[in-house]
Structures are given as C-alpha cells and as structure tokens.
Amino acid sequence: MLRLSRPIAMIPRGIVTARDIFYGFMALLFAASTAVTVLWGLSMATMGEIPMPGGWMLSMAWMPMCAQGWAGAATSFIGMWMVMMVAMMLPSLAPVLWRYHQTAGAARLTALVGAGYLCVWAMAGLIVFTLGAALAEAAQQSPDLARAVPFAGGAVVLLAGMLQFTAWKAHHLACCRADAVPVHCLPAGTGMAWRHGLRLGLHCSLSCAGLTAILLVIGVMDLCAMAAISLAITLERLAPGGLRIARAIGIIIVGAAVLLIIRAGGIG
C-alpha cells in the first residue's frame, strides 16, 4: 500500500508576505530619497562655489541664500541632510528594522524605532551645520585659515582612517549591526521602542563618525562621495566579517589621506 508523504508547508506563489510589503516600502523610500538627494546635489552644483585661498572651493550649502537668514539656512540644510541620510543609511538600517518588526509585530512600534534613529541624525545635522557655517565664515574672513583648510582636511581624513582600527569603532559597529541583540531581547512598548531607536541612532552615528567626516571634507553634496561612503557603511554592517571590512576600508582611507596631505603641502 502506497503511503503519501505529508507535503512540506510552503508559501504559495503569488502570496504577498509581510516581509515583501516591508521591503517594498523600504525600496520605495530609498528610491525617493535617492532621487531627491541627486536632484538637490545637481541644483547645488548649479549655484557655483566660492574659490578660496589654498586652492579649494567653498560650498554654498554652508551659507544663507537670497536673504534667507541663518535660521532658514539651517532648516534647509537639515532638510537636505535628513533626505541624504535616509538614502545613505537605509540599506543597512532596513534589516535592523525588519528584525525588530518581527519581534514587536506592530508597524507603529517599528516606525517609532525609525523615528528615534532619525532624530539622532537630525541633531547630528544641526551640529554639523553649526560647525560648518562657523568654519566657512571664519575662512572667508581669514586668508591664513583658508590656506590651512586643505591640510586640515587631509588630517581629518587620516584620523578617520585610523579610527577604523580602534576598539571604539569595533564597539559601536557591533552595536548597530542587524544581529547585535538577540531577537527575544529586543524591547517592545512605545517608550522602549523610541529609546531603542535613539540608542541605535547614537551607535550608528558614532560608528559612522569618521566616514561622515570624510564626506564633509570631500564635499557634503558630492554624489560620488555619498555613493562610496554609503557602500562602505553597508558593507561593514551587513557583510560577514564586518570588522575586517571596516579595517580594510581604513587602509584605503589612510592611503587617500596621505595623498591629500602631500597635495596640500604642494599647494601650500
């Protein structure tokens, strides 16, 4: 007598799962933020840059435009910054959010985690604009300071490369990887979800501090630099052996920094 084996449970073809919906939404958000970032970057390029002593160009992103005022300039920069950060961080953030959603089972709580994460990056953007605008204004008033900017930029890139080898980097990188916390330990509840997002954003921003500094040195709206930094962040957070990848990236950065410093010395 023939016995029929019990069929293995499978999801029928054509059935849309929660995972499909989640990643579909993430893909749309990534596409929209990337498109806006590219358009913003191209529009900033048309506004021109100010040539500075020392052979570098000062971006208009650090200054008010058309009687905008500093408050308006800060608001515009932070808006640009947040769209850019969504495009750059979403590829590595999406798996973390999905893992949380699997535990919490509520889209509202997952959205709170994402909101807390972005709140940290908004505060980082405010700090970046304040320091960048102050440096831009000082460089316009002091030719000696302006001439020192290329060398200082090379030094910043060198420090960013060296940061990739530190225990500090390893700690924060480990805390913002998708597998950082066991699933059963992920917090649920409104307040805990918000705080989890803040902690995740803090670890992420600190892990990315060196790479973000490089982007600011090269040019905050440089599209090629954005793509390269985004790839580096995604690889060190999602690929197996993320710490080894981070250190390999550090070697590349240190080499680039040496070239920048040599070039700055030649210009000086």
Protein backbone atom coordinates (compact mmCIF):
# COMPACT_ATOMS: atom_id res chain seq x y z
CA MET A 1 0.00 0.00 0.00
CA LEU A 2 1.37 3.33 -1.03
CA ARG A 3 1.70 5.98 1.62
CA LEU A 4 1.58 9.62 0.62
CA SER A 5 4.20 11.76 2.34
CA ARG A 6 2.96 14.83 4.15
CA PRO A 7 3.55 17.94 2.00
CA ILE A 8 6.07 20.45 3.24
CA ALA A 9 4.48 23.74 4.25
CA MET A 10 5.26 26.35 1.65
CA ILE A 11 4.05 29.82 0.89
CA PRO A 12 2.01 29.63 -2.31
CA ARG A 13 3.33 31.59 -5.23
CA GLY A 14 1.66 34.93 -5.71
CA ILE A 15 1.02 35.42 -1.96
CA VAL A 16 2.41 38.75 -0.73
CA THR A 17 4.02 38.37 2.70
CA ALA A 18 4.61 40.97 5.40
CA ARG A 19 8.30 40.84 4.54
CA ASP A 20 7.53 41.65 0.90
CA ILE A 21 5.43 44.64 1.94
CA PHE A 22 8.09 45.89 4.36
CA TYR A 23 10.99 45.68 1.93
CA GLY A 24 8.83 47.03 -0.88
CA PHE A 25 8.13 50.11 1.21
CA MET A 26 11.82 50.43 2.11
CA ALA A 27 12.73 50.19 -1.59
CA LEU A 28 10.28 52.96 -2.48
CA LEU A 29 11.59 55.14 0.35
CA PHE A 30 15.16 54.53 -0.73
CA ALA A 31 14.36 55.34 -4.38
CA ALA A 32 12.53 58.54 -3.43
CA SER A 33 15.23 59.78 -1.03
CA THR A 34 17.98 58.94 -3.53
CA ALA A 35 16.18 60.79 -6.32
CA VAL A 36 15.67 63.88 -4.15
CA THR A 37 19.30 63.76 -2.99
CA VAL A 38 20.57 63.57 -6.57
CA LEU A 39 18.33 66.45 -7.67
CA TRP A 40 19.41 68.51 -4.66
CA GLY A 41 23.06 67.79 -5.37
CA LEU A 42 22.68 68.83 -9.01
CA SER A 43 20.87 72.02 -8.03
CA MET A 44 23.62 72.90 -5.55
CA ALA A 45 26.20 72.36 -8.30
CA THR A 46 24.47 74.96 -10.48
CA MET A 47 24.75 77.57 -7.73
CA GLY A 48 28.52 77.53 -8.01
CA GLU A 49 31.20 77.62 -5.33
CA ILE A 50 33.44 80.30 -3.91
CA PRO A 51 37.18 79.93 -4.70
CA MET A 52 39.23 80.18 -1.53
CA PRO A 53 42.91 80.77 -0.73
CA GLY A 54 44.63 77.40 -0.62
CA GLY A 55 43.07 76.16 -3.86
CA TRP A 56 39.76 74.80 -2.52
CA MET A 57 36.14 75.69 -3.15
CA LEU A 58 33.63 76.76 -0.50
CA SER A 59 30.19 75.20 -0.97
CA MET A 60 27.11 77.40 -0.87
CA ALA A 61 25.46 74.79 1.37
CA TRP A 62 27.06 76.47 4.40
CA MET A 63 25.65 79.94 3.74
CA PRO A 64 22.24 81.64 3.65
CA MET A 65 20.95 82.34 0.15
CA CYS A 66 18.64 85.09 -1.14
CA ALA A 67 18.16 86.90 2.19
CA GLN A 68 17.29 83.54 3.75
CA GLY A 69 18.79 84.19 7.16
CA TRP A 70 20.72 81.73 9.29
CA ALA A 71 17.59 80.05 10.69
CA GLY A 72 16.32 79.42 7.18
CA ALA A 73 19.74 78.20 6.05
CA ALA A 74 19.92 75.77 8.99
CA THR A 75 16.41 74.47 8.27
CA SER A 76 17.22 73.98 4.59
CA PHE A 77 20.49 72.21 5.39
CA ILE A 78 18.92 69.86 7.94
CA GLY A 79 16.14 69.00 5.48
CA MET A 80 18.76 68.20 2.84
CA TRP A 81 20.84 66.33 5.42
CA MET A 82 17.94 64.13 6.54
CA VAL A 83 16.95 63.14 2.99
CA MET A 84 20.59 62.36 2.27
CA MET A 85 20.94 60.27 5.45
CA VAL A 86 17.82 58.24 4.61
CA ALA A 87 19.31 57.43 1.21
CA MET A 88 22.73 56.57 2.67
CA MET A 89 21.68 54.64 5.80
CA LEU A 90 18.52 52.84 4.69
CA PRO A 91 20.28 49.87 3.01
CA SER A 92 21.94 48.95 6.33
CA LEU A 93 19.04 50.09 8.53
CA ALA A 94 16.24 48.17 6.79
CA PRO A 95 17.34 44.69 8.01
CA VAL A 96 17.60 46.04 11.58
CA LEU A 97 14.07 47.47 11.42
CA TRP A 98 12.69 44.26 9.91
CA ARG A 99 14.27 42.21 12.68
CA TYR A 100 12.64 44.49 15.26
CA HIS A 101 9.30 44.31 13.44
CA GLN A 102 9.40 40.50 13.58
CA THR A 103 9.67 40.76 17.36
CA ALA A 104 7.29 43.65 18.07
CA GLY A 105 4.75 42.65 15.43
CA ALA A 106 3.48 46.23 15.19
CA ALA A 107 4.24 48.68 12.41
CA ARG A 108 3.69 51.58 14.83
CA LEU A 109 6.49 50.44 17.12
CA THR A 110 8.82 49.81 14.19
CA ALA A 111 8.09 53.33 12.93
CA LEU A 112 8.94 54.70 16.38
CA VAL A 113 12.31 52.95 16.27
CA GLY A 114 12.96 54.53 12.86
CA ALA A 115 11.83 57.96 14.12
CA GLY A 116 14.16 57.77 17.12
CA TYR A 117 17.01 56.76 14.83
CA LEU A 118 16.38 59.71 12.51
CA CYS A 119 16.05 62.11 15.45
CA VAL A 120 19.67 61.41 16.38
CA TRP A 121 20.78 62.08 12.81
CA ALA A 122 18.78 65.35 12.79
CA MET A 123 20.67 66.50 15.89
CA ALA A 124 23.93 65.47 14.22
CA GLY A 125 22.94 67.54 11.18
CA LEU A 126 22.35 70.60 13.37
CA ILE A 127 25.78 70.20 14.95
CA VAL A 128 27.42 69.69 11.55
CA PHE A 129 25.76 72.81 10.10
CA THR A 130 26.68 74.95 13.10
CA LEU A 131 30.35 73.95 12.92
CA GLY A 132 30.47 74.06 9.11
CA ALA A 133 28.86 77.50 8.89
CA ALA A 134 31.19 78.87 11.57
CA LEU A 135 34.24 77.49 9.73
CA ALA A 136 33.00 78.84 6.39
CA GLU A 137 32.51 82.32 7.81
CA ALA A 138 35.89 82.27 9.56
CA ALA A 139 37.66 81.07 6.42
CA GLN A 140 36.15 83.91 4.39
CA GLN A 141 37.45 86.44 6.91
CA SER A 142 40.92 84.91 7.40
CA PRO A 143 43.03 84.04 4.33
CA ASP A 144 45.58 82.28 6.56
CA LEU A 145 42.88 80.00 7.96
CA ALA A 146 41.57 79.33 4.45
CA ARG A 147 45.04 78.28 3.27
CA ALA A 148 45.25 75.79 6.15
CA VAL A 149 41.93 74.09 5.27
CA PRO A 150 43.31 71.62 2.65
CA PHE A 151 45.98 70.34 5.05
CA ALA A 152 43.45 70.18 7.91
CA GLY A 153 41.09 68.26 5.65
CA GLY A 154 43.80 65.71 4.89
CA ALA A 155 44.49 65.38 8.62
CA VAL A 156 40.78 64.78 9.30
CA VAL A 157 40.69 62.04 6.66
CA LEU A 158 43.82 60.47 8.18
CA LEU A 159 42.22 60.43 11.65
CA ALA A 160 39.04 58.97 10.16
CA GLY A 161 41.07 56.16 8.62
CA MET A 162 42.89 55.45 11.88
CA LEU A 163 39.55 55.41 13.70
CA GLN A 164 38.56 52.33 11.69
CA PHE A 165 41.14 50.27 13.63
CA THR A 166 40.09 51.27 17.15
CA ALA A 167 38.15 49.32 19.78
CA TRP A 168 35.78 52.31 19.90
CA LYS A 169 34.83 51.74 16.27
CA ALA A 170 34.52 47.98 16.82
CA HIS A 171 32.16 48.51 19.76
CA HIS A 172 29.78 50.90 18.01
CA LEU A 173 29.86 48.89 14.78
CA ALA A 174 28.91 45.73 16.69
CA CYS A 175 26.02 47.56 18.38
CA CYS A 176 24.43 48.74 15.13
CA ARG A 177 24.67 45.50 13.13
CA ALA A 178 21.40 43.65 12.47
CA ASP A 179 22.42 40.73 14.70
CA ALA A 180 23.63 42.89 17.60
CA VAL A 181 20.82 41.96 20.02
CA PRO A 182 19.11 38.54 20.32
CA VAL A 183 15.55 38.66 18.98
CA HIS A 184 13.95 37.82 22.32
CA CYS A 185 15.82 40.72 23.99
CA LEU A 186 14.58 43.43 21.65
CA PRO A 187 12.40 45.94 23.58
CA ALA A 188 8.68 46.36 22.91
CA GLY A 189 6.30 49.09 24.00
CA THR A 190 6.06 52.71 22.90
CA GLY A 191 8.66 54.26 25.20
CA MET A 192 11.09 51.38 24.86
CA ALA A 193 10.80 51.40 21.06
CA TRP A 194 11.60 55.13 20.97
CA ARG A 195 14.60 54.69 23.27
CA HIS A 196 15.77 51.70 21.24
CA GLY A 197 15.71 53.89 18.12
CA LEU A 198 17.68 56.61 19.91
CA ARG A 199 20.30 54.10 21.07
CA LEU A 200 20.54 52.61 17.60
CA GLY A 201 20.92 56.07 16.05
CA LEU A 202 23.60 57.02 18.57
CA HIS A 203 25.64 53.87 17.93
CA CYS A 204 25.19 54.32 14.18
CA SER A 205 26.23 57.97 14.15
CA LEU A 206 29.28 57.26 16.30
CA SER A 207 30.23 54.25 14.17
CA CYS A 208 29.89 56.44 11.05
CA ALA A 209 31.63 59.49 12.55
CA GLY A 210 34.86 59.01 10.63
CA LEU A 211 33.17 58.17 7.33
CA THR A 212 30.79 61.11 7.74
CA ALA A 213 33.74 63.43 8.40
CA ILE A 214 35.31 62.28 5.13
CA LEU A 215 32.11 63.17 3.28
CA LEU A 216 32.18 66.65 4.80
CA VAL A 217 35.83 67.11 3.80
CA ILE A 218 35.27 65.97 0.21
CA GLY A 219 32.00 67.84 -0.19
CA VAL A 220 28.70 67.37 1.60
CA MET A 221 26.76 67.20 -1.68
CA ASP A 222 29.35 65.27 -3.71
CA LEU A 223 27.25 62.45 -5.18
CA CYS A 224 30.20 60.15 -5.90
CA ALA A 225 31.47 60.55 -2.34
CA MET A 226 27.99 59.80 -1.00
CA ALA A 227 27.78 56.60 -3.02
CA ALA A 228 31.23 55.45 -1.87
CA ILE A 229 30.53 56.20 1.81
CA SER A 230 27.12 54.52 1.61
CA LEU A 231 28.70 51.39 0.14
CA ALA A 232 31.35 51.32 2.87
CA ILE A 233 28.75 51.69 5.63
CA THR A 234 26.51 48.99 4.14
CA LEU A 235 29.37 46.51 3.71
CA GLU A 236 30.77 46.87 7.22
CA ARG A 237 27.31 46.48 8.77
CA LEU A 238 25.75 43.73 6.68
CA ALA A 239 28.56 41.62 5.25
CA PRO A 240 30.07 38.75 7.24
CA GLY A 241 33.28 39.84 8.96
CA GLY A 242 32.19 43.47 9.18
CA LEU A 243 35.11 44.46 11.38
CA ARG A 244 37.64 43.09 8.89
CA ILE A 245 35.90 45.06 6.15
CA ALA A 246 35.98 48.20 8.30
CA ARG A 247 39.73 47.80 8.75
CA ALA A 248 40.28 47.21 5.04
CA ILE A 249 38.34 50.41 4.39
CA GLY A 250 40.59 52.11 6.95
CA ILE A 251 43.69 51.12 4.97
CA ILE A 252 42.22 52.69 1.83
CA ILE A 253 41.29 55.85 3.74
CA VAL A 254 44.75 56.24 5.27
CA GLY A 255 46.33 55.91 1.83
CA ALA A 256 43.98 58.54 0.40
CA ALA A 257 44.70 60.82 3.37
CA VAL A 258 48.45 60.67 2.75
CA LEU A 259 47.87 61.74 -0.86
CA LEU A 260 45.63 64.61 0.28
CA ILE A 261 48.24 65.84 2.76
CA ILE A 262 51.03 65.65 0.15
CA ARG A 263 48.85 67.54 -2.29
CA ALA A 264 48.00 70.17 0.33
CA GLY A 265 51.70 70.60 1.07
CA GLY A 266 52.41 71.11 -2.63
CA ILE A 267 49.68 73.71 -2.95
CA GLY A 268 50.79 75.46 0.21
